[in-house]
N, C-alpha and C. Protein backbone atom coordinates (compact mmCIF):
# COMPACT_ATOMS: atom_id res chain seq x y z
N UNK A 1 68.45 91.32 96.72
CA UNK A 1 69.47 91.93 97.55
C UNK A 1 68.82 92.50 98.81
N UNK A 2 69.54 92.43 99.89
CA UNK A 2 69.08 93.01 101.15
C UNK A 2 69.04 94.52 101.02
N UNK A 3 68.25 95.16 101.88
CA UNK A 3 68.17 96.61 101.84
C UNK A 3 69.49 97.23 102.30
N UNK A 4 69.72 98.46 101.86
CA UNK A 4 70.92 99.19 102.29
C UNK A 4 70.95 99.30 103.81
N UNK A 5 69.80 99.54 104.42
CA UNK A 5 69.72 99.67 105.88
C UNK A 5 70.15 98.37 106.57
N UNK A 6 69.66 97.25 106.07
CA UNK A 6 70.03 95.96 106.65
C UNK A 6 71.53 95.72 106.52
N UNK A 7 72.09 96.04 105.37
CA UNK A 7 73.52 95.85 105.15
C UNK A 7 74.34 96.80 106.02
N UNK A 8 73.87 98.02 106.19
CA UNK A 8 74.51 98.97 107.11
C UNK A 8 74.56 98.36 108.52
N UNK A 9 73.44 97.84 108.97
CA UNK A 9 73.38 97.26 110.31
C UNK A 9 74.29 96.03 110.43
N UNK A 10 74.33 95.21 109.40
CA UNK A 10 75.20 94.02 109.43
C UNK A 10 76.68 94.42 109.48
N UNK A 11 77.05 95.41 108.66
CA UNK A 11 78.43 95.89 108.64
C UNK A 11 78.84 96.39 110.03
N UNK A 12 78.02 97.26 110.63
CA UNK A 12 78.39 97.86 111.91
C UNK A 12 78.26 96.87 113.07
N UNK A 13 77.38 95.89 112.96
CA UNK A 13 77.32 94.83 113.98
C UNK A 13 78.61 94.03 113.93
N UNK A 14 79.06 93.71 112.72
CA UNK A 14 80.31 92.97 112.56
C UNK A 14 81.48 93.77 113.13
N UNK A 15 81.49 95.09 112.87
CA UNK A 15 82.56 95.93 113.40
C UNK A 15 82.51 96.02 114.93
N UNK A 16 81.32 95.98 115.50
CA UNK A 16 81.20 95.97 116.97
C UNK A 16 81.76 94.67 117.53
N UNK A 17 81.56 93.58 116.81
CA UNK A 17 82.05 92.27 117.25
C UNK A 17 83.52 92.06 116.90
N UNK A 18 84.04 92.85 115.98
CA UNK A 18 85.43 92.75 115.53
C UNK A 18 86.05 94.15 115.53
N UNK A 19 86.15 94.77 116.70
CA UNK A 19 86.52 96.19 116.77
C UNK A 19 87.92 96.54 116.29
N UNK A 20 88.78 95.57 116.13
CA UNK A 20 90.12 95.89 115.62
C UNK A 20 90.16 95.87 114.09
N UNK A 21 89.06 95.48 113.47
CA UNK A 21 89.00 95.40 112.01
C UNK A 21 88.55 96.72 111.40
N UNK A 22 88.83 96.90 110.13
CA UNK A 22 88.37 98.09 109.41
C UNK A 22 87.14 97.73 108.58
N UNK A 23 86.44 98.75 108.11
CA UNK A 23 85.24 98.51 107.31
C UNK A 23 85.56 97.67 106.07
N UNK A 24 86.72 97.90 105.48
CA UNK A 24 87.09 97.17 104.27
C UNK A 24 87.29 95.68 104.47
N UNK A 25 87.43 95.25 105.71
CA UNK A 25 87.63 93.82 106.00
C UNK A 25 86.32 93.06 106.20
N UNK A 26 85.19 93.75 106.17
CA UNK A 26 83.89 93.10 106.36
C UNK A 26 83.70 92.01 105.31
N UNK A 27 83.41 90.77 105.72
CA UNK A 27 83.22 89.68 104.75
C UNK A 27 82.07 89.91 103.77
N UNK A 28 81.11 90.74 104.13
CA UNK A 28 79.98 91.01 103.24
C UNK A 28 80.36 91.67 101.94
N UNK A 29 81.52 92.33 101.90
CA UNK A 29 81.94 92.99 100.65
C UNK A 29 82.14 91.97 99.53
N UNK A 30 82.48 90.75 99.88
CA UNK A 30 82.66 89.71 98.86
C UNK A 30 81.36 89.48 98.12
N UNK A 31 80.26 89.43 98.87
CA UNK A 31 78.95 89.20 98.27
C UNK A 31 78.44 90.42 97.51
N UNK A 32 78.72 91.60 98.05
CA UNK A 32 78.15 92.83 97.49
C UNK A 32 79.18 93.71 96.77
N UNK A 33 80.22 93.09 96.24
CA UNK A 33 81.28 93.86 95.58
C UNK A 33 80.78 94.57 94.32
N UNK A 34 79.67 94.15 93.77
CA UNK A 34 79.12 94.79 92.57
C UNK A 34 78.51 96.16 92.87
N UNK A 35 78.24 96.46 94.13
CA UNK A 35 77.65 97.75 94.48
C UNK A 35 78.77 98.78 94.59
N UNK A 36 79.04 99.44 93.48
CA UNK A 36 80.19 100.34 93.41
C UNK A 36 80.08 101.54 94.34
N UNK A 37 78.89 102.08 94.51
CA UNK A 37 78.74 103.23 95.40
C UNK A 37 79.06 102.86 96.84
N UNK A 38 78.58 101.72 97.28
CA UNK A 38 78.87 101.30 98.65
C UNK A 38 80.34 100.95 98.81
N UNK A 39 80.92 100.33 97.80
CA UNK A 39 82.33 99.94 97.89
C UNK A 39 83.27 101.13 97.88
N UNK A 40 82.92 102.17 97.16
CA UNK A 40 83.80 103.34 97.06
C UNK A 40 84.00 103.99 98.42
N UNK A 41 82.95 104.06 99.22
CA UNK A 41 83.04 104.70 100.53
C UNK A 41 83.04 103.67 101.66
N UNK A 42 82.81 102.42 101.31
CA UNK A 42 82.63 101.35 102.29
C UNK A 42 81.50 101.71 103.25
N UNK A 43 80.44 102.29 102.68
CA UNK A 43 79.34 102.79 103.51
C UNK A 43 78.01 102.62 102.78
N UNK A 44 77.10 101.86 103.40
CA UNK A 44 75.78 101.65 102.81
C UNK A 44 74.91 102.89 102.95
N UNK A 45 75.13 103.70 103.97
CA UNK A 45 74.37 104.94 104.12
C UNK A 45 74.74 105.91 103.00
N UNK A 46 76.02 105.98 102.66
CA UNK A 46 76.45 106.84 101.54
C UNK A 46 75.82 106.36 100.23
N UNK A 47 75.78 105.07 100.04
CA UNK A 47 75.19 104.52 98.82
C UNK A 47 73.70 104.87 98.75
N UNK A 48 73.01 104.77 99.87
CA UNK A 48 71.58 105.11 99.90
C UNK A 48 71.38 106.61 99.68
N UNK A 49 72.21 107.43 100.28
CA UNK A 49 72.11 108.89 100.09
C UNK A 49 72.32 109.25 98.63
N UNK A 50 73.27 108.63 97.98
CA UNK A 50 73.52 108.89 96.56
C UNK A 50 72.33 108.45 95.72
N UNK A 51 71.72 107.36 96.10
CA UNK A 51 70.54 106.86 95.40
C UNK A 51 69.37 107.84 95.54
N UNK A 52 69.25 108.44 96.72
CA UNK A 52 68.17 109.39 96.99
C UNK A 52 68.38 110.73 96.30
N UNK A 53 69.61 111.06 95.99
CA UNK A 53 69.94 112.37 95.42
C UNK A 53 69.63 112.38 93.93
N UNK A 54 68.93 113.36 93.49
CA UNK A 54 68.54 113.42 92.07
C UNK A 54 69.72 113.77 91.17
N UNK A 55 70.55 114.67 91.61
CA UNK A 55 71.65 115.11 90.73
C UNK A 55 73.00 114.52 91.13
N UNK A 56 73.04 113.84 92.25
CA UNK A 56 74.27 113.18 92.65
C UNK A 56 75.28 114.05 93.35
N UNK A 57 75.01 115.36 93.43
CA UNK A 57 75.93 116.26 94.10
C UNK A 57 75.45 116.50 95.53
N UNK A 58 76.38 116.60 96.44
CA UNK A 58 76.07 116.81 97.85
C UNK A 58 75.02 115.84 98.35
N UNK A 59 75.19 114.58 98.01
CA UNK A 59 74.23 113.59 98.46
C UNK A 59 74.30 113.37 99.98
N UNK A 60 75.32 113.89 100.63
CA UNK A 60 75.44 113.76 102.08
C UNK A 60 74.24 114.36 102.80
N UNK A 61 73.62 115.37 102.21
CA UNK A 61 72.45 115.98 102.83
C UNK A 61 71.27 115.02 102.86
N UNK A 62 71.36 113.94 102.12
CA UNK A 62 70.30 112.92 102.11
C UNK A 62 70.70 111.67 102.88
N UNK A 63 71.73 111.78 103.69
CA UNK A 63 72.19 110.63 104.48
C UNK A 63 71.07 110.16 105.41
N UNK A 64 70.82 108.86 105.45
CA UNK A 64 69.77 108.34 106.32
C UNK A 64 70.18 108.22 107.79
N UNK A 65 71.43 108.49 108.08
CA UNK A 65 71.91 108.36 109.46
C UNK A 65 71.80 109.70 110.19
N UNK A 66 71.54 109.62 111.46
CA UNK A 66 71.48 110.81 112.30
C UNK A 66 72.83 110.96 112.99
N UNK A 67 73.61 111.92 112.56
CA UNK A 67 74.95 112.14 113.10
C UNK A 67 74.96 113.15 114.24
N UNK A 68 73.79 113.54 114.70
CA UNK A 68 73.66 114.45 115.83
C UNK A 68 74.33 115.80 115.58
N UNK A 69 74.27 116.25 114.34
CA UNK A 69 74.75 117.60 114.00
C UNK A 69 73.90 118.11 112.84
N UNK A 70 73.98 119.34 112.55
CA UNK A 70 73.17 119.93 111.48
C UNK A 70 73.98 120.18 110.21
N UNK A 71 75.09 119.50 110.08
CA UNK A 71 75.97 119.66 108.94
C UNK A 71 75.39 118.93 107.74
N UNK A 72 75.39 119.56 106.59
CA UNK A 72 74.80 118.97 105.38
C UNK A 72 75.84 118.31 104.47
N UNK A 73 77.12 118.64 104.64
CA UNK A 73 78.15 118.06 103.80
C UNK A 73 79.11 117.25 104.67
N UNK A 74 79.19 115.97 104.43
CA UNK A 74 80.04 115.06 105.21
C UNK A 74 79.76 115.12 106.71
N UNK A 75 78.50 114.99 107.14
CA UNK A 75 78.20 115.08 108.57
C UNK A 75 78.88 114.00 109.40
N UNK A 76 79.18 112.88 108.77
CA UNK A 76 79.83 111.79 109.51
C UNK A 76 81.31 112.08 109.78
N UNK A 77 81.91 112.95 108.97
CA UNK A 77 83.34 113.22 109.11
C UNK A 77 83.66 114.39 110.02
N UNK A 78 82.65 115.09 110.49
CA UNK A 78 82.84 116.23 111.37
C UNK A 78 83.47 115.78 112.68
N UNK A 79 84.41 116.54 113.15
CA UNK A 79 85.08 116.23 114.42
C UNK A 79 84.03 116.06 115.52
N UNK A 80 84.08 114.94 116.19
CA UNK A 80 83.16 114.66 117.28
C UNK A 80 81.95 113.82 116.90
N UNK A 81 81.77 113.55 115.60
CA UNK A 81 80.67 112.67 115.20
C UNK A 81 80.99 111.25 115.69
N UNK A 82 79.98 110.42 115.78
CA UNK A 82 80.22 109.04 116.24
C UNK A 82 81.18 108.31 115.31
N UNK A 83 81.12 108.60 114.01
CA UNK A 83 82.05 107.96 113.08
C UNK A 83 83.48 108.46 113.32
N UNK A 84 83.64 109.75 113.50
CA UNK A 84 84.96 110.33 113.79
C UNK A 84 85.53 109.71 115.08
N UNK A 85 84.70 109.62 116.09
CA UNK A 85 85.15 109.04 117.37
C UNK A 85 85.47 107.56 117.23
N UNK A 86 84.70 106.84 116.39
CA UNK A 86 84.97 105.42 116.15
C UNK A 86 86.34 105.26 115.49
N UNK A 87 86.61 106.08 114.47
CA UNK A 87 87.92 106.00 113.79
C UNK A 87 89.05 106.26 114.76
N UNK A 88 88.89 107.27 115.58
CA UNK A 88 89.95 107.60 116.55
C UNK A 88 90.15 106.48 117.56
N UNK A 89 89.06 105.94 118.08
CA UNK A 89 89.17 104.85 119.06
C UNK A 89 89.86 103.64 118.43
N UNK A 90 89.46 103.31 117.22
CA UNK A 90 90.07 102.16 116.52
C UNK A 90 91.55 102.41 116.28
N UNK A 91 91.88 103.61 115.81
CA UNK A 91 93.28 103.95 115.52
C UNK A 91 94.15 103.95 116.77
N UNK A 92 93.55 104.27 117.91
CA UNK A 92 94.29 104.30 119.19
C UNK A 92 94.30 102.94 119.89
N UNK A 93 93.61 101.97 119.30
CA UNK A 93 93.58 100.64 119.90
C UNK A 93 92.60 100.49 121.06
N UNK A 94 91.69 101.44 121.20
CA UNK A 94 90.68 101.36 122.27
C UNK A 94 89.51 100.54 121.74
N UNK A 95 89.65 99.22 121.77
CA UNK A 95 88.66 98.36 121.13
C UNK A 95 87.30 98.37 121.84
N UNK A 96 87.29 98.56 123.14
CA UNK A 96 86.00 98.62 123.85
C UNK A 96 85.20 99.83 123.39
N UNK A 97 85.87 100.97 123.26
CA UNK A 97 85.20 102.19 122.80
C UNK A 97 84.82 102.07 121.32
N UNK A 98 85.67 101.48 120.52
CA UNK A 98 85.36 101.28 119.10
C UNK A 98 84.12 100.39 118.96
N UNK A 99 84.03 99.36 119.76
CA UNK A 99 82.87 98.47 119.72
C UNK A 99 81.60 99.20 120.14
N UNK A 100 81.69 99.99 121.19
CA UNK A 100 80.53 100.75 121.68
C UNK A 100 80.05 101.74 120.60
N UNK A 101 80.97 102.42 119.98
CA UNK A 101 80.62 103.40 118.95
C UNK A 101 80.08 102.73 117.68
N UNK A 102 80.58 101.57 117.35
CA UNK A 102 80.06 100.84 116.20
C UNK A 102 78.57 100.51 116.39
N UNK A 103 78.18 100.20 117.61
CA UNK A 103 76.76 99.93 117.87
C UNK A 103 75.92 101.19 117.75
N UNK A 104 76.48 102.32 118.16
CA UNK A 104 75.77 103.59 118.00
C UNK A 104 75.57 103.90 116.52
N UNK A 105 76.61 103.69 115.73
CA UNK A 105 76.51 103.92 114.29
C UNK A 105 75.54 102.94 113.66
N UNK A 106 75.58 101.70 114.09
CA UNK A 106 74.64 100.69 113.58
C UNK A 106 73.20 101.17 113.73
N UNK A 107 72.92 101.80 114.88
CA UNK A 107 71.55 102.22 115.19
C UNK A 107 71.24 103.64 114.74
N UNK A 108 72.16 104.30 114.04
CA UNK A 108 71.97 105.70 113.68
C UNK A 108 71.08 105.93 112.45
N UNK A 109 70.82 104.87 111.71
CA UNK A 109 69.99 105.00 110.51
C UNK A 109 68.57 105.36 110.94
N UNK A 110 68.08 106.51 110.47
CA UNK A 110 66.75 107.01 110.87
C UNK A 110 65.64 106.20 110.26
């Protein structure tokens, strides 16, 4: 299996190229549907963080992505994070901005 980081990059590259699509529409899920942690959140960084966490609680503090904030719980969901801005741009139909933000997220893995 490819690394979580590689799959994260592939997912977000695809979203940059298909900015009107949602994460759940990524064709790679067909191949990797057995990875329940990644499928639950549709996020390879979340799956890696959970893998890194010894007790499984608050695994967000082990997220490999740099969300440009110091939040330890759900840093990607904080208002103004690149993921939050990507969701808003996509929901508003601003595909150019959604594509730009998808590339930022693709490259956010530390």
